[in-house]
PDB file of all heavy atoms in Angstrom:
ATOM      1  N   LEU A   1       8.149   3.577  -3.470  1.00  0.00           N
ATOM      2  CA  LEU A   1       7.859   4.473  -2.346  1.00  0.00           C
ATOM      3  C   LEU A   1       6.489   5.126  -2.498  1.00  0.00           C
ATOM      4  O   LEU A   1       5.728   5.226  -1.531  1.00  0.00           O
ATOM      5  CB  LEU A   1       8.950   5.548  -2.238  1.00  0.00           C
ATOM      6  CG  LEU A   1       8.774   6.568  -1.113  1.00  0.00           C
ATOM      7  CD1 LEU A   1       8.832   5.872   0.234  1.00  0.00           C
ATOM      8  CD2 LEU A   1       9.815   7.655  -1.215  1.00  0.00           C
ATOM      9  N   HIS A   2       6.152   5.562  -3.714  1.00  0.00           N
ATOM     10  CA  HIS A   2       4.839   6.161  -3.952  1.00  0.00           C
ATOM     11  C   HIS A   2       3.721   5.159  -3.676  1.00  0.00           C
ATOM     12  O   HIS A   2       2.692   5.510  -3.084  1.00  0.00           O
ATOM     13  CB  HIS A   2       4.728   6.668  -5.390  1.00  0.00           C
ATOM     14  CG  HIS A   2       5.490   7.913  -5.649  1.00  0.00           C
ATOM     15  ND1 HIS A   2       6.137   8.123  -6.833  1.00  0.00           N
ATOM     16  CD2 HIS A   2       5.734   9.005  -4.892  1.00  0.00           C
ATOM     17  CE1 HIS A   2       6.735   9.301  -6.805  1.00  0.00           C
ATOM     18  NE2 HIS A   2       6.512   9.848  -5.621  1.00  0.00           N
ATOM     19  N   LYS A   3       3.915   3.922  -4.117  1.00  0.00           N
ATOM     20  CA  LYS A   3       2.893   2.897  -3.905  1.00  0.00           C
ATOM     21  C   LYS A   3       2.640   2.669  -2.419  1.00  0.00           C
ATOM     22  O   LYS A   3       1.498   2.600  -1.975  1.00  0.00           O
ATOM     23  CB  LYS A   3       3.309   1.585  -4.574  1.00  0.00           C
ATOM     24  CG  LYS A   3       3.365   1.652  -6.079  1.00  0.00           C
ATOM     25  CD  LYS A   3       3.865   0.334  -6.630  1.00  0.00           C
ATOM     26  CE  LYS A   3       4.010   0.397  -8.137  1.00  0.00           C
ATOM     27  NZ  LYS A   3       4.474  -0.870  -8.709  1.00  0.00           N
ATOM     28  N   SER A   4       3.705   2.550  -1.653  1.00  0.00           N
ATOM     29  CA  SER A   4       3.524   2.320  -0.216  1.00  0.00           C
ATOM     30  C   SER A   4       2.954   3.559   0.467  1.00  0.00           C
ATOM     31  O   SER A   4       2.159   3.438   1.407  1.00  0.00           O
ATOM     32  CB  SER A   4       4.842   1.912   0.439  1.00  0.00           C
ATOM     33  OG  SER A   4       5.764   2.980   0.434  1.00  0.00           O
ATOM     34  N   MET A   5       3.304   4.741   0.009  1.00  0.00           N
ATOM     35  CA  MET A   5       2.766   5.969   0.609  1.00  0.00           C
ATOM     36  C   MET A   5       1.262   6.094   0.351  1.00  0.00           C
ATOM     37  O   MET A   5       0.516   6.534   1.229  1.00  0.00           O
ATOM     38  CB  MET A   5       3.516   7.193   0.079  1.00  0.00           C
ATOM     39  CG  MET A   5       4.911   7.331   0.648  1.00  0.00           C
ATOM     40  SD  MET A   5       5.875   8.655  -0.096  1.00  0.00           S
ATOM     41  CE  MET A   5       5.039  10.083   0.520  1.00  0.00           C
ATOM     42  N   VAL A   6       0.814   5.693  -0.831  1.00  0.00           N
ATOM     43  CA  VAL A   6      -0.623   5.716  -1.129  1.00  0.00           C
ATOM     44  C   VAL A   6      -1.364   4.723  -0.231  1.00  0.00           C
ATOM     45  O   VAL A   6      -2.407   5.042   0.347  1.00  0.00           O
ATOM     46  CB  VAL A   6      -0.882   5.426  -2.622  1.00  0.00           C
ATOM     47  CG1 VAL A   6      -2.350   5.176  -2.882  1.00  0.00           C
ATOM     48  CG2 VAL A   6      -0.393   6.579  -3.485  1.00  0.00           C
ATOM     49  N   ALA A   7      -0.814   3.510  -0.086  1.00  0.00           N
ATOM     50  CA  ALA A   7      -1.453   2.509   0.776  1.00  0.00           C
ATOM     51  C   ALA A   7      -1.504   2.981   2.229  1.00  0.00           C
ATOM     52  O   ALA A   7      -2.540   2.856   2.901  1.00  0.00           O
ATOM     53  CB  ALA A   7      -0.705   1.184   0.666  1.00  0.00           C
ATOM     54  N   LYS A   8      -0.413   3.573   2.708  1.00  0.00           N
ATOM     55  CA  LYS A   8      -0.390   4.077   4.090  1.00  0.00           C
ATOM     56  C   LYS A   8      -1.335   5.253   4.271  1.00  0.00           C
ATOM     57  O   LYS A   8      -1.993   5.378   5.306  1.00  0.00           O
ATOM     58  CB  LYS A   8       1.034   4.486   4.470  1.00  0.00           C
ATOM     59  CG  LYS A   8       1.962   3.331   4.691  1.00  0.00           C
ATOM     60  CD  LYS A   8       3.361   3.830   5.008  1.00  0.00           C
ATOM     61  CE  LYS A   8       4.342   2.683   5.096  1.00  0.00           C
ATOM     62  NZ  LYS A   8       5.729   3.141   5.280  1.00  0.00           N
ATOM     63  N   LEU A   9      -1.406   6.131   3.271  1.00  0.00           N
ATOM     64  CA  LEU A   9      -2.289   7.298   3.348  1.00  0.00           C
ATOM     65  C   LEU A   9      -3.749   6.866   3.453  1.00  0.00           C
ATOM     66  O   LEU A   9      -4.492   7.354   4.312  1.00  0.00           O
ATOM     67  CB  LEU A   9      -2.086   8.192   2.121  1.00  0.00           C
ATOM     68  CG  LEU A   9      -3.013   9.390   1.991  1.00  0.00           C
ATOM     69  CD1 LEU A   9      -2.675  10.430   3.036  1.00  0.00           C
ATOM     70  CD2 LEU A   9      -2.921   9.976   0.597  1.00  0.00           C
ATOM     71  N   ILE A  10      -4.148   5.954   2.614  1.00  0.00           N
ATOM     72  CA  ILE A  10      -5.539   5.487   2.631  1.00  0.00           C
ATOM     73  C   ILE A  10      -5.836   4.738   3.924  1.00  0.00           C
ATOM     74  O   ILE A  10      -6.879   4.943   4.548  1.00  0.00           O
ATOM     75  CB  ILE A  10      -5.824   4.612   1.398  1.00  0.00           C
ATOM     76  CG1 ILE A  10      -5.791   5.492   0.151  1.00  0.00           C
ATOM     77  CG2 ILE A  10      -7.143   3.884   1.517  1.00  0.00           C
ATOM     78  CD1 ILE A  10      -5.863   4.761  -1.140  1.00  0.00           C
ATOM     79  N   ARG A  11      -4.920   3.931   4.363  1.00  0.00           N
ATOM     80  CA  ARG A  11      -5.113   3.172   5.602  1.00  0.00           C
ATOM     81  C   ARG A  11      -5.201   4.099   6.813  1.00  0.00           C
ATOM     82  O   ARG A  11      -6.035   3.915   7.691  1.00  0.00           O
ATOM     83  CB  ARG A  11      -3.949   2.198   5.762  1.00  0.00           C
ATOM     84  CG  ARG A  11      -4.054   1.293   6.934  1.00  0.00           C
ATOM     85  CD  ARG A  11      -2.900   0.318   6.945  1.00  0.00           C
ATOM     86  NE  ARG A  11      -2.913  -0.451   8.154  1.00  0.00           N
ATOM     87  CZ  ARG A  11      -1.988  -1.318   8.490  1.00  0.00           C
ATOM     88  NH1 ARG A  11      -0.966  -1.525   7.688  1.00  0.00           N
ATOM     89  NH2 ARG A  11      -2.074  -1.983   9.615  1.00  0.00           N
ATOM     90  N   ARG A  12      -4.342   5.112   6.852  1.00  0.00           N
ATOM     91  CA  ARG A  12      -4.278   6.017   8.007  1.00  0.00           C
ATOM     92  C   ARG A  12      -5.420   7.025   8.011  1.00  0.00           C
ATOM     93  O   ARG A  12      -6.082   7.222   9.036  1.00  0.00           O
ATOM     94  CB  ARG A  12      -2.932   6.740   8.003  1.00  0.00           C
ATOM     95  CG  ARG A  12      -2.708   7.659   9.185  1.00  0.00           C
ATOM     96  CD  ARG A  12      -1.381   8.394   9.104  1.00  0.00           C
ATOM     97  NE  ARG A  12      -1.359   9.295   7.959  1.00  0.00           N
ATOM     98  CZ  ARG A  12      -0.504   9.204   6.957  1.00  0.00           C
ATOM     99  NH1 ARG A  12       0.408   8.261   6.930  1.00  0.00           N
ATOM    100  NH2 ARG A  12      -0.551  10.054   5.951  1.00  0.00           N
ATOM    101  N   GLN A  13      -5.679   7.667   6.893  1.00  0.00           N
ATOM    102  CA  GLN A  13      -6.661   8.756   6.864  1.00  0.00           C
ATOM    103  C   GLN A  13      -8.102   8.250   6.817  1.00  0.00           C
ATOM    104  O   GLN A  13      -8.961   8.788   7.497  1.00  0.00           O
ATOM    105  CB  GLN A  13      -6.413   9.661   5.648  1.00  0.00           C
ATOM    106  CG  GLN A  13      -5.099  10.399   5.682  1.00  0.00           C
ATOM    107  CD  GLN A  13      -5.065  11.479   6.754  1.00  0.00           C
ATOM    108  OE1 GLN A  13      -6.082  11.898   7.268  1.00  0.00           O
ATOM    109  NE2 GLN A  13      -3.866  11.912   7.073  1.00  0.00           N
ATOM    110  N   LEU A  14      -8.378   7.235   6.025  1.00  0.00           N
ATOM    111  CA  LEU A  14      -9.749   6.748   5.882  1.00  0.00           C
ATOM    112  C   LEU A  14     -10.111   5.681   6.903  1.00  0.00           C
ATOM    113  O   LEU A  14     -11.281   5.341   7.053  1.00  0.00           O
ATOM    114  CB  LEU A  14      -9.972   6.208   4.467  1.00  0.00           C
ATOM    115  CG  LEU A  14      -9.785   7.201   3.322  1.00  0.00           C
ATOM    116  CD1 LEU A  14     -10.048   6.529   2.004  1.00  0.00           C
ATOM    117  CD2 LEU A  14     -10.676   8.410   3.511  1.00  0.00           C
ATOM    118  N   LYS A  15      -9.084   5.142   7.584  1.00  0.00           N
ATOM    119  CA  LYS A  15      -9.289   4.095   8.589  1.00  0.00           C
ATOM    120  C   LYS A  15     -10.103   2.924   8.029  1.00  0.00           C
ATOM    121  O   LYS A  15     -11.107   2.508   8.617  1.00  0.00           O
ATOM    122  CB  LYS A  15      -9.939   4.676   9.839  1.00  0.00           C
ATOM    123  CG  LYS A  15      -9.040   5.671  10.545  1.00  0.00           C
ATOM    124  CD  LYS A  15      -9.649   6.212  11.794  1.00  0.00           C
ATOM    125  CE  LYS A  15      -8.802   7.189  12.547  1.00  0.00           C
ATOM    126  NZ  LYS A  15      -7.821   7.935  11.908  1.00  0.00           N
ATOM    127  N   VAL A  16      -9.675   2.440   6.873  1.00  0.00           N
ATOM    128  CA  VAL A  16     -10.313   1.299   6.225  1.00  0.00           C
ATOM    129  C   VAL A  16      -9.281   0.185   6.083  1.00  0.00           C
ATOM    130  O   VAL A  16      -8.083   0.409   6.225  1.00  0.00           O
ATOM    131  CB  VAL A  16     -10.876   1.671   4.835  1.00  0.00           C
ATOM    132  CG1 VAL A  16     -11.995   2.674   4.951  1.00  0.00           C
ATOM    133  CG2 VAL A  16      -9.785   2.198   3.927  1.00  0.00           C
ATOM    134  N   MET A  17      -9.767  -1.006   5.800  1.00  0.00           N
ATOM    135  CA  MET A  17      -8.871  -2.124   5.546  1.00  0.00           C
ATOM    136  C   MET A  17      -8.394  -2.043   4.098  1.00  0.00           C
ATOM    137  O   MET A  17      -9.197  -1.891   3.186  1.00  0.00           O
ATOM    138  CB  MET A  17      -9.563  -3.449   5.800  1.00  0.00           C
ATOM    139  CG  MET A  17      -8.639  -4.620   5.590  1.00  0.00           C
ATOM    140  SD  MET A  17      -9.194  -6.130   6.322  1.00  0.00           S
ATOM    141  CE  MET A  17      -9.069  -5.742   8.036  1.00  0.00           C
ATOM    142  N   THR A  18      -7.106  -2.138   3.913  1.00  0.00           N
ATOM    143  CA  THR A  18      -6.530  -2.003   2.576  1.00  0.00           C
ATOM    144  C   THR A  18      -6.008  -3.350   2.089  1.00  0.00           C
ATOM    145  O   THR A  18      -5.535  -4.171   2.865  1.00  0.00           O
ATOM    146  CB  THR A  18      -5.389  -0.978   2.576  1.00  0.00           C
ATOM    147  OG1 THR A  18      -4.416  -1.357   3.559  1.00  0.00           O
ATOM    148  CG2 THR A  18      -5.900   0.405   2.881  1.00  0.00           C
ATOM    149  N   LEU A  19      -6.100  -3.536   0.792  1.00  0.00           N
ATOM    150  CA  LEU A  19      -5.624  -4.738   0.126  1.00  0.00           C
ATOM    151  C   LEU A  19      -4.695  -4.295  -0.996  1.00  0.00           C
ATOM    152  O   LEU A  19      -5.066  -3.453  -1.816  1.00  0.00           O
ATOM    153  CB  LEU A  19      -6.802  -5.528  -0.457  1.00  0.00           C
ATOM    154  CG  LEU A  19      -6.461  -6.668  -1.401  1.00  0.00           C
ATOM    155  CD1 LEU A  19      -5.971  -7.866  -0.606  1.00  0.00           C
ATOM    156  CD2 LEU A  19      -7.656  -7.039  -2.231  1.00  0.00           C
ATOM    157  N   SER A  20      -3.494  -4.846  -1.016  1.00  0.00           N
ATOM    158  CA  SER A  20      -2.544  -4.548  -2.086  1.00  0.00           C
ATOM    159  C   SER A  20      -2.211  -5.818  -2.831  1.00  0.00           C
ATOM    160  O   SER A  20      -2.005  -6.871  -2.229  1.00  0.00           O
ATOM    161  CB  SER A  20      -1.258  -3.948  -1.516  1.00  0.00           C
ATOM    162  OG  SER A  20      -1.503  -2.678  -0.983  1.00  0.00           O
ATOM    163  N   ILE A  21      -2.134  -5.684  -4.156  1.00  0.00           N
ATOM    164  CA  ILE A  21      -1.833  -6.822  -5.017  1.00  0.00           C
ATOM    165  C   ILE A  21      -0.632  -6.438  -5.869  1.00  0.00           C
ATOM    166  O   ILE A  21      -0.614  -5.372  -6.482  1.00  0.00           O
ATOM    167  CB  ILE A  21      -3.033  -7.163  -5.921  1.00  0.00           C
ATOM    168  CG1 ILE A  21      -4.276  -7.393  -5.080  1.00  0.00           C
ATOM    169  CG2 ILE A  21      -2.729  -8.371  -6.778  1.00  0.00           C
ATOM    170  CD1 ILE A  21      -5.550  -7.417  -5.877  1.00  0.00           C
ATOM    171  N   GLY A  22       0.361  -7.303  -5.893  1.00  0.00           N
ATOM    172  CA  GLY A  22       1.544  -7.014  -6.690  1.00  0.00           C
ATOM    173  C   GLY A  22       2.173  -8.282  -7.223  1.00  0.00           C
ATOM    174  O   GLY A  22       1.939  -9.378  -6.726  1.00  0.00           O
ATOM    175  N   ASP A  23       3.018  -8.105  -8.253  1.00  0.00           N
ATOM    176  CA  ASP A  23       3.642  -9.266  -8.870  1.00  0.00           C
ATOM    177  C   ASP A  23       5.153  -9.154  -8.986  1.00  0.00           C
ATOM    178  O   ASP A  23       5.790 -10.046  -9.530  1.00  0.00           O
ATOM    179  CB  ASP A  23       3.056  -9.515 -10.256  1.00  0.00           C
ATOM    180  CG  ASP A  23       3.348  -8.388 -11.223  1.00  0.00           C
ATOM    181  OD1 ASP A  23       3.768  -7.309 -10.769  1.00  0.00           O
ATOM    182  OD2 ASP A  23       3.156  -8.584 -12.439  1.00  0.00           O
ATOM    183  N   GLY A  24       5.750  -8.093  -8.484  1.00  0.00           N
ATOM    184  CA  GLY A  24       7.190  -7.939  -8.638  1.00  0.00           C
ATOM    185  C   GLY A  24       7.845  -7.341  -7.413  1.00  0.00           C
ATOM    186  O   GLY A  24       7.194  -6.998  -6.418  1.00  0.00           O
ATOM    187  N   ALA A  25       9.165  -7.171  -7.498  1.00  0.00           N
ATOM    188  CA  ALA A  25       9.933  -6.641  -6.381  1.00  0.00           C
ATOM    189  C   ALA A  25       9.569  -5.189  -6.091  1.00  0.00           C
ATOM    190  O   ALA A  25       9.676  -4.739  -4.945  1.00  0.00           O
ATOM    191  CB  ALA A  25      11.425  -6.754  -6.684  1.00  0.00           C
ATOM    192  N   ASN A  26       9.110  -4.456  -7.101  1.00  0.00           N
ATOM    193  CA  ASN A  26       8.742  -3.056  -6.882  1.00  0.00           C
ATOM    194  C   ASN A  26       7.434  -2.916  -6.108  1.00  0.00           C
ATOM    195  O   ASN A  26       7.080  -1.821  -5.686  1.00  0.00           O
ATOM    196  CB  ASN A  26       8.662  -2.310  -8.216  1.00  0.00           C
ATOM    197  CG  ASN A  26       7.655  -2.925  -9.161  1.00  0.00           C
ATOM    198  OD1 ASN A  26       7.233  -4.068  -8.968  1.00  0.00           O
ATOM    199  ND2 ASN A  26       7.277  -2.188 -10.174  1.00  0.00           N
ATOM    200  N   ASP A  27       6.704  -3.993  -5.887  1.00  0.00           N
ATOM    201  CA  ASP A  27       5.439  -3.956  -5.160  1.00  0.00           C
ATOM    202  C   ASP A  27       5.570  -4.393  -3.709  1.00  0.00           C
ATOM    203  O   ASP A  27       4.579  -4.375  -2.971  1.00  0.00           O
ATOM    204  CB  ASP A  27       4.406  -4.839  -5.857  1.00  0.00           C
ATOM    205  CG  ASP A  27       4.108  -4.387  -7.261  1.00  0.00           C
ATOM    206  OD1 ASP A  27       4.058  -3.162  -7.485  1.00  0.00           O
ATOM    207  OD2 ASP A  27       3.939  -5.245  -8.145  1.00  0.00           O
ATOM    208  N   VAL A  28       6.755  -4.784  -3.279  1.00  0.00           N
ATOM    209  CA  VAL A  28       6.942  -5.339  -1.943  1.00  0.00           C
ATOM    210  C   VAL A  28       6.577  -4.333  -0.859  1.00  0.00           C
ATOM    211  O   VAL A  28       5.853  -4.654   0.093  1.00  0.00           O
ATOM    212  CB  VAL A  28       8.390  -5.852  -1.760  1.00  0.00           C
ATOM    213  CG1 VAL A  28       8.681  -6.189  -0.322  1.00  0.00           C
ATOM    214  CG2 VAL A  28       8.618  -7.060  -2.637  1.00  0.00           C
ATOM    215  N   SER A  29       7.024  -3.106  -0.966  1.00  0.00           N
ATOM    216  CA  SER A  29       6.728  -2.113   0.078  1.00  0.00           C
ATOM    217  C   SER A  29       5.234  -1.802   0.138  1.00  0.00           C
ATOM    218  O   SER A  29       4.682  -1.596   1.225  1.00  0.00           O
ATOM    219  CB  SER A  29       7.531  -0.835  -0.150  1.00  0.00           C
ATOM    220  OG  SER A  29       7.229  -0.272  -1.411  1.00  0.00           O
ATOM    221  N   MET A  30       4.555  -1.787  -0.991  1.00  0.00           N
ATOM    222  CA  MET A  30       3.110  -1.559  -1.013  1.00  0.00           C
ATOM    223  C   MET A  30       2.377  -2.732  -0.360  1.00  0.00           C
ATOM    224  O   MET A  30       1.437  -2.534   0.417  1.00  0.00           O
ATOM    225  CB  MET A  30       2.634  -1.380  -2.452  1.00  0.00           C
ATOM    226  CG  MET A  30       1.140  -1.291  -2.614  1.00  0.00           C
ATOM    227  SD  MET A  30       0.617  -1.305  -4.336  1.00  0.00           S
ATOM    228  CE  MET A  30       1.159  -2.902  -4.897  1.00  0.00           C
ATOM    229  N   ILE A  31       2.806  -3.954  -0.649  1.00  0.00           N
ATOM    230  CA  ILE A  31       2.182  -5.140  -0.071  1.00  0.00           C
ATOM    231  C   ILE A  31       2.354  -5.146   1.445  1.00  0.00           C
ATOM    232  O   ILE A  31       1.431  -5.476   2.186  1.00  0.00           O
ATOM    233  CB  ILE A  31       2.764  -6.419  -0.713  1.00  0.00           C
ATOM    234  CG1 ILE A  31       2.272  -6.546  -2.151  1.00  0.00           C
ATOM    235  CG2 ILE A  31       2.431  -7.663   0.089  1.00  0.00           C
ATOM    236  CD1 ILE A  31       2.933  -7.649  -2.941  1.00  0.00           C
ATOM    237  N   GLN A  32       3.517  -4.748   1.910  1.00  0.00           N
ATOM    238  CA  GLN A  32       3.766  -4.735   3.350  1.00  0.00           C
ATOM    239  C   GLN A  32       3.063  -3.580   4.049  1.00  0.00           C
ATOM    240  O   GLN A  32       2.767  -3.675   5.236  1.00  0.00           O
ATOM    241  CB  GLN A  32       5.266  -4.676   3.621  1.00  0.00           C
ATOM    242  CG  GLN A  32       5.969  -5.963   3.244  1.00  0.00           C
ATOM    243  CD  GLN A  32       7.467  -5.887   3.419  1.00  0.00           C
ATOM    244  OE1 GLN A  32       8.040  -4.813   3.471  1.00  0.00           O
ATOM    245  NE2 GLN A  32       8.104  -7.048   3.498  1.00  0.00           N
TER     246      GLN A  32
END
């Protein structure tokens, strides 16, 4: 949840394109 919240925060507030890289099930929400 923290990972996805950080990705959403940066995407929403800075209005930049975000890239997430993950290798496990705990990274799925951040990737999406």
